[in-house]
Amino acid sequence: SNSKVILAINLGTLSNFLEADTKNNFLLLKEYIDRAGILDDKQEKQDDDRYFHCVNFADYHLYELSSKG
């Protein structure tokens, strides 16, 4: 397909999805996630390829808006 899809997914949900794929219907995705270290404790490298690109928000600073700003 030539269409592009943006998928935002919780890492726990992604892990469960990959474990449930016992027939390896999503083998390219599994290989990319392993190669990029997306589910590892410490993702050290960005490994984009022809089909996938990852933006990891887990290491972004969290901010809180309060009545004082």
PDB file of N, CA and C in Angstrom:
ATOM      1  N   SER A   1       0.835  -1.186   0.000  1.00  0.00           N
ATOM      2  CA  SER A   1       0.000   0.000   0.000  1.00  0.00           C
ATOM      3  C   SER A   1       0.879   1.249   0.000  1.00  0.00           C
ATOM      4  N   ASN A   2       0.417   2.278  -0.634  1.00  0.00           N
ATOM      5  CA  ASN A   2       1.122   3.549  -0.643  1.00  0.00           C
ATOM      6  C   ASN A   2       0.612   4.506   0.410  1.00  0.00           C
ATOM      7  N   SER A   3      -0.405   4.119   1.137  1.00  0.00           N
ATOM      8  CA  SER A   3      -0.958   5.012   2.159  1.00  0.00           C
ATOM      9  C   SER A   3      -0.106   4.959   3.419  1.00  0.00           C
ATOM     10  N   LYS A   4      -0.060   6.082   4.134  1.00  0.00           N
ATOM     11  CA  LYS A   4       0.714   6.178   5.365  1.00  0.00           C
ATOM     12  C   LYS A   4      -0.252   6.238   6.541  1.00  0.00           C
ATOM     13  N   VAL A   5       0.138   5.617   7.642  1.00  0.00           N
ATOM     14  CA  VAL A   5      -0.700   5.555   8.828  1.00  0.00           C
ATOM     15  C   VAL A   5       0.117   6.009  10.024  1.00  0.00           C
ATOM     16  N   ILE A   6      -0.487   6.815  10.870  1.00  0.00           N
ATOM     17  CA  ILE A   6       0.145   7.202  12.128  1.00  0.00           C
ATOM     18  C   ILE A   6      -0.548   6.420  13.232  1.00  0.00           C
ATOM     19  N   LEU A   7       0.256   5.733  14.033  1.00  0.00           N
ATOM     20  CA  LEU A   7      -0.275   4.925  15.113  1.00  0.00           C
ATOM     21  C   LEU A   7       0.362   5.375  16.419  1.00  0.00           C
ATOM     22  N   ALA A   8      -0.458   5.790  17.359  1.00  0.00           N
ATOM     23  CA  ALA A   8       0.030   6.127  18.697  1.00  0.00           C
ATOM     24  C   ALA A   8      -0.444   5.018  19.621  1.00  0.00           C
ATOM     25  N   ILE A   9       0.496   4.406  20.345  1.00  0.00           N
ATOM     26  CA  ILE A   9       0.124   3.241  21.148  1.00  0.00           C
ATOM     27  C   ILE A   9       0.943   3.209  22.437  1.00  0.00           C
ATOM     28  N   ASN A  10       0.298   2.818  23.489  1.00  0.00           N
ATOM     29  CA  ASN A  10       0.937   2.624  24.779  1.00  0.00           C
ATOM     30  C   ASN A  10       1.918   1.462  24.663  1.00  0.00           C
ATOM     31  N   LEU A  11       3.087   1.591  25.297  1.00  0.00           N
ATOM     32  CA  LEU A  11       4.109   0.548  25.167  1.00  0.00           C
ATOM     33  C   LEU A  11       3.643  -0.797  25.713  1.00  0.00           C
ATOM     34  N   GLY A  12       2.864  -0.794  26.774  1.00  0.00           N
ATOM     35  CA  GLY A  12       2.326  -2.049  27.307  1.00  0.00           C
ATOM     36  C   GLY A  12       1.369  -2.705  26.329  1.00  0.00           C
ATOM     37  N   THR A  13       0.542  -1.898  25.707  1.00  0.00           N
ATOM     38  CA  THR A  13      -0.395  -2.405  24.707  1.00  0.00           C
ATOM     39  C   THR A  13       0.353  -2.932  23.492  1.00  0.00           C
ATOM     40  N   LEU A  14       1.403  -2.240  23.089  1.00  0.00           N
ATOM     41  CA  LEU A  14       2.224  -2.702  21.974  1.00  0.00           C
ATOM     42  C   LEU A  14       2.857  -4.051  22.294  1.00  0.00           C
ATOM     43  N   SER A  15       3.371  -4.189  23.486  1.00  0.00           N
ATOM     44  CA  SER A  15       3.983  -5.447  23.900  1.00  0.00           C
ATOM     45  C   SER A  15       2.959  -6.584  23.872  1.00  0.00           C
ATOM     46  N   ASN A  16       1.769  -6.323  24.412  1.00  0.00           N
ATOM     47  CA  ASN A  16       0.709  -7.343  24.407  1.00  0.00           C
ATOM     48  C   ASN A  16       0.290  -7.705  22.986  1.00  0.00           C
ATOM     49  N   PHE A  17       0.214  -6.707  22.114  1.00  0.00           N
ATOM     50  CA  PHE A  17      -0.152  -6.945  20.718  1.00  0.00           C
ATOM     51  C   PHE A  17       0.851  -7.873  20.047  1.00  0.00           C
ATOM     52  N   LEU A  18       2.132  -7.609  20.261  1.00  0.00           N
ATOM     53  CA  LEU A  18       3.165  -8.435  19.634  1.00  0.00           C
ATOM     54  C   LEU A  18       3.178  -9.852  20.194  1.00  0.00           C
ATOM     55  N   GLU A  19       2.931 -10.000  21.475  1.00  0.00           N
ATOM     56  CA  GLU A  19       2.868 -11.345  22.072  1.00  0.00           C
ATOM     57  C   GLU A  19       1.678 -12.128  21.538  1.00  0.00           C
ATOM     58  N   ALA A  20       0.580 -11.446  21.246  1.00  0.00           N
ATOM     59  CA  ALA A  20      -0.627 -12.114  20.759  1.00  0.00           C
ATOM     60  C   ALA A  20      -0.507 -12.517  19.289  1.00  0.00           C
ATOM     61  N   ASP A  21       0.455 -11.959  18.579  1.00  0.00           N
ATOM     62  CA  ASP A  21       0.640 -12.261  17.159  1.00  0.00           C
ATOM     63  C   ASP A  21       1.444 -13.545  16.988  1.00  0.00           C
ATOM     64  N   THR A  22       0.842 -14.661  17.324  1.00  0.00           N
ATOM     65  CA  THR A  22       1.531 -15.950  17.296  1.00  0.00           C
ATOM     66  C   THR A  22       1.777 -16.450  15.869  1.00  0.00           C
ATOM     67  N   LYS A  23       1.039 -15.922  14.892  1.00  0.00           N
ATOM     68  CA  LYS A  23       1.219 -16.353  13.502  1.00  0.00           C
ATOM     69  C   LYS A  23       2.186 -15.452  12.743  1.00  0.00           C
ATOM     70  N   ASN A  24       2.801 -14.508  13.443  1.00  0.00           N
ATOM     71  CA  ASN A  24       3.778 -13.589  12.844  1.00  0.00           C
ATOM     72  C   ASN A  24       3.242 -12.825  11.640  1.00  0.00           C
ATOM     73  N   ASN A  25       2.016 -12.358  11.757  1.00  0.00           N
ATOM     74  CA  ASN A  25       1.440 -11.520  10.712  1.00  0.00           C
ATOM     75  C   ASN A  25       2.111 -10.147  10.661  1.00  0.00           C
ATOM     76  N   PHE A  26       2.738  -9.756  11.755  1.00  0.00           N
ATOM     77  CA  PHE A  26       3.374  -8.449  11.848  1.00  0.00           C
ATOM     78  C   PHE A  26       4.874  -8.601  12.090  1.00  0.00           C
ATOM     79  N   LEU A  27       5.481  -9.506  11.362  1.00  0.00           N
ATOM     80  CA  LEU A  27       6.893  -9.821  11.556  1.00  0.00           C
ATOM     81  C   LEU A  27       7.795  -8.615  11.282  1.00  0.00           C
ATOM     82  N   LEU A  28       7.531  -7.840  10.235  1.00  0.00           N
ATOM     83  CA  LEU A  28       8.351  -6.663   9.949  1.00  0.00           C
ATOM     84  C   LEU A  28       8.301  -5.664  11.099  1.00  0.00           C
ATOM     85  N   LEU A  29       7.119  -5.469  11.669  1.00  0.00           N
ATOM     86  CA  LEU A  29       6.969  -4.572  12.812  1.00  0.00           C
ATOM     87  C   LEU A  29       7.728  -5.110  14.020  1.00  0.00           C
ATOM     88  N   LYS A  30       7.595  -6.399  14.295  1.00  0.00           N
ATOM     89  CA  LYS A  30       8.314  -7.016  15.416  1.00  0.00           C
ATOM     90  C   LYS A  30       9.823  -6.835  15.273  1.00  0.00           C
ATOM     91  N   GLU A  31      10.332  -7.084  14.070  1.00  0.00           N
ATOM     92  CA  GLU A  31      11.772  -6.955  13.837  1.00  0.00           C
ATOM     93  C   GLU A  31      12.234  -5.512  14.023  1.00  0.00           C
ATOM     94  N   TYR A  32      11.441  -4.558  13.548  1.00  0.00           N
ATOM     95  CA  TYR A  32      11.786  -3.145  13.722  1.00  0.00           C
ATOM     96  C   TYR A  32      11.819  -2.766  15.203  1.00  0.00           C
ATOM     97  N   ILE A  33      10.829  -3.199  15.952  1.00  0.00           N
ATOM     98  CA  ILE A  33      10.751  -2.865  17.380  1.00  0.00           C
ATOM     99  C   ILE A  33      11.933  -3.460  18.132  1.00  0.00           C
ATOM    100  N   ASP A  34      12.309  -4.675  17.803  1.00  0.00           N
ATOM    101  CA  ASP A  34      13.483  -5.291  18.425  1.00  0.00           C
ATOM    102  C   ASP A  34      14.763  -4.546  18.059  1.00  0.00           C
ATOM    103  N   ARG A  35      14.919  -4.243  16.790  1.00  0.00           N
ATOM    104  CA  ARG A  35      16.115  -3.557  16.305  1.00  0.00           C
ATOM    105  C   ARG A  35      16.258  -2.161  16.918  1.00  0.00           C
ATOM    106  N   ALA A  36      15.145  -1.451  17.033  1.00  0.00           N
ATOM    107  CA  ALA A  36      15.165  -0.085  17.557  1.00  0.00           C
ATOM    108  C   ALA A  36      15.196  -0.047  19.076  1.00  0.00           C
ATOM    109  N   GLY A  37      14.946  -1.175  19.726  1.00  0.00           N
ATOM    110  CA  GLY A  37      14.967  -1.215  21.188  1.00  0.00           C
ATOM    111  C   GLY A  37      13.800  -0.482  21.815  1.00  0.00           C
ATOM    112  N   ILE A  38      12.679  -0.408  21.128  1.00  0.00           N
ATOM    113  CA  ILE A  38      11.536   0.369  21.594  1.00  0.00           C
ATOM    114  C   ILE A  38      10.982  -0.162  22.908  1.00  0.00           C
ATOM    115  N   LEU A  39      10.970  -1.466  23.094  1.00  0.00           N
ATOM    116  CA  LEU A  39      10.426  -2.044  24.322  1.00  0.00           C
ATOM    117  C   LEU A  39      11.499  -2.323  25.370  1.00  0.00           C
ATOM    118  N   ASP A  40      12.741  -1.976  25.083  1.00  0.00           N
ATOM    119  CA  ASP A  40      13.811  -2.143  26.055  1.00  0.00           C
ATOM    120  C   ASP A  40      13.714  -1.066  27.119  1.00  0.00           C
ATOM    121  N   ASP A  41      14.362  -1.310  28.257  1.00  0.00           N
ATOM    122  CA  ASP A  41      14.346  -0.329  29.333  1.00  0.00           C
ATOM    123  C   ASP A  41      14.965   0.993  28.915  1.00  0.00           C
ATOM    124  N   LYS A  42      15.960   0.915  28.061  1.00  0.00           N
ATOM    125  CA  LYS A  42      16.670   2.123  27.653  1.00  0.00           C
ATOM    126  C   LYS A  42      16.833   2.126  26.141  1.00  0.00           C
ATOM    127  N   GLN A  43      16.054   2.968  25.484  1.00  0.00           N
ATOM    128  CA  GLN A  43      16.160   3.076  24.032  1.00  0.00           C
ATOM    129  C   GLN A  43      17.277   4.065  23.724  1.00  0.00           C
ATOM    130  N   GLU A  44      18.376   3.568  23.182  1.00  0.00           N
ATOM    131  CA  GLU A  44      19.549   4.402  22.966  1.00  0.00           C
ATOM    132  C   GLU A  44      19.684   4.906  21.542  1.00  0.00           C
ATOM    133  N   LYS A  45      19.047   4.250  20.610  1.00  0.00           N
ATOM    134  CA  LYS A  45      19.253   4.655  19.226  1.00  0.00           C
ATOM    135  C   LYS A  45      17.915   4.797  18.515  1.00  0.00           C
ATOM    136  N   GLN A  46      17.920   5.628  17.508  1.00  0.00           N
ATOM    137  CA  GLN A  46      16.761   5.778  16.640  1.00  0.00           C
ATOM    138  C   GLN A  46      17.042   4.968  15.392  1.00  0.00           C
ATOM    139  N   ASP A  47      16.212   4.016  15.092  1.00  0.00           N
ATOM    140  CA  ASP A  47      16.456   3.123  13.963  1.00  0.00           C
ATOM    141  C   ASP A  47      15.271   3.197  13.002  1.00  0.00           C
ATOM    142  N   ASP A  48      15.246   4.246  12.194  1.00  0.00           N
ATOM    143  CA  ASP A  48      14.183   4.381  11.211  1.00  0.00           C
ATOM    144  C   ASP A  48      14.520   3.534   9.995  1.00  0.00           C
ATOM    145  N   ASP A  49      13.499   3.050   9.355  1.00  0.00           N
ATOM    146  CA  ASP A  49      13.730   2.289   8.142  1.00  0.00           C
ATOM    147  C   ASP A  49      12.704   2.694   7.090  1.00  0.00           C
ATOM    148  N   ARG A  50      12.594   1.913   6.078  1.00  0.00           N
ATOM    149  CA  ARG A  50      11.714   2.252   4.956  1.00  0.00           C
ATOM    150  C   ARG A  50      10.245   2.332   5.368  1.00  0.00           C
ATOM    151  N   TYR A  51       9.840   1.512   6.302  1.00  0.00           N
ATOM    152  CA  TYR A  51       8.427   1.408   6.645  1.00  0.00           C
ATOM    153  C   TYR A  51       8.050   2.046   7.976  1.00  0.00           C
ATOM    154  N   PHE A  52       8.992   2.182   8.884  1.00  0.00           N
ATOM    155  CA  PHE A  52       8.641   2.600  10.240  1.00  0.00           C
ATOM    156  C   PHE A  52       9.492   3.771  10.714  1.00  0.00           C
ATOM    157  N   HIS A  53       8.881   4.599  11.556  1.00  0.00           N
ATOM    158  CA  HIS A  53       9.567   5.693  12.237  1.00  0.00           C
ATOM    159  C   HIS A  53       8.948   5.799  13.619  1.00  0.00           C
ATOM    160  N   CYS A  54       9.779   5.931  14.630  1.00  0.00           N
ATOM    161  CA  CYS A  54       9.291   5.960  16.007  1.00  0.00           C
ATOM    162  C   CYS A  54       9.602   7.306  16.654  1.00  0.00           C
ATOM    163  N   VAL A  55       8.619   7.849  17.349  1.00  0.00           N
ATOM    164  CA  VAL A  55       8.812   9.007  18.211  1.00  0.00           C
ATOM    165  C   VAL A  55       8.439   8.538  19.605  1.00  0.00           C
ATOM    166  N   ASN A  56       9.416   8.487  20.494  1.00  0.00           N
ATOM    167  CA  ASN A  56       9.203   7.982  21.843  1.00  0.00           C
ATOM    168  C   ASN A  56       8.994   9.164  22.787  1.00  0.00           C
ATOM    169  N   PHE A  57       7.810   9.255  23.372  1.00  0.00           N
ATOM    170  CA  PHE A  57       7.495  10.347  24.288  1.00  0.00           C
ATOM    171  C   PHE A  57       7.803   9.991  25.736  1.00  0.00           C
ATOM    172  N   ALA A  58       8.308   8.798  25.985  1.00  0.00           N
ATOM    173  CA  ALA A  58       8.573   8.349  27.354  1.00  0.00           C
ATOM    174  C   ALA A  58       9.667   9.165  28.037  1.00  0.00           C
ATOM    175  N   ASP A  59      10.581   9.727  27.263  1.00  0.00           N
ATOM    176  CA  ASP A  59      11.676  10.464  27.879  1.00  0.00           C
ATOM    177  C   ASP A  59      11.487  11.983  27.829  1.00  0.00           C
ATOM    178  N   TYR A  60      10.297  12.437  27.453  1.00  0.00           N
ATOM    179  CA  TYR A  60      10.014  13.867  27.440  1.00  0.00           C
ATOM    180  C   TYR A  60       9.679  14.335  28.854  1.00  0.00           C
ATOM    181  N   HIS A  61       9.992  15.589  29.157  1.00  0.00           N
ATOM    182  CA  HIS A  61       9.681  16.148  30.471  1.00  0.00           C
ATOM    183  C   HIS A  61       8.180  16.342  30.614  1.00  0.00           C
ATOM    184  N   LEU A  62       7.670  15.989  31.776  1.00  0.00           N
ATOM    185  CA  LEU A  62       6.247  16.172  32.058  1.00  0.00           C
ATOM    186  C   LEU A  62       6.050  17.509  32.761  1.00  0.00           C
ATOM    187  N   TYR A  63       5.037  18.233  32.361  1.00  0.00           N
ATOM    188  CA  TYR A  63       4.744  19.529  32.947  1.00  0.00           C
ATOM    189  C   TYR A  63       3.324  19.518  33.484  1.00  0.00           C
ATOM    190  N   GLU A  64       3.100  20.340  34.475  1.00  0.00           N
ATOM    191  CA  GLU A  64       1.764  20.450  35.074  1.00  0.00           C
ATOM    192  C   GLU A  64       1.335  21.905  35.038  1.00  0.00           C
ATOM    193  N   LEU A  65       0.104  22.145  34.604  1.00  0.00           N
ATOM    194  CA  LEU A  65      -0.455  23.481  34.642  1.00  0.00           C
ATOM    195  C   LEU A  65      -1.285  23.616  35.913  1.00  0.00           C
ATOM    196  N   SER A  66      -0.996  24.670  36.654  1.00  0.00           N
ATOM    197  CA  SER A  66      -1.743  24.918  37.879  1.00  0.00           C
ATOM    198  C   SER A  66      -2.344  26.310  37.833  1.00  0.00           C
ATOM    199  N   SER A  67      -3.032  26.716  38.881  1.00  0.00           N
ATOM    200  CA  SER A  67      -3.622  28.051  38.911  1.00  0.00           C
ATOM    201  C   SER A  67      -2.568  29.155  38.912  1.00  0.00           C
ATOM    202  N   LYS A  68      -1.321  28.830  39.263  1.00  0.00           N
ATOM    203  CA  LYS A  68      -0.237  29.800  39.281  1.00  0.00           C
ATOM    204  C   LYS A  68       0.598  29.765  38.004  1.00  0.00           C
ATOM    205  N   GLY A  69       0.217  28.928  37.094  1.00  0.00           N
ATOM    206  CA  GLY A  69       0.948  28.867  35.822  1.00  0.00           C
ATOM    207  C   GLY A  69       1.581  27.541  35.579  1.00  0.00           C
TER     208      GLY A  69
END
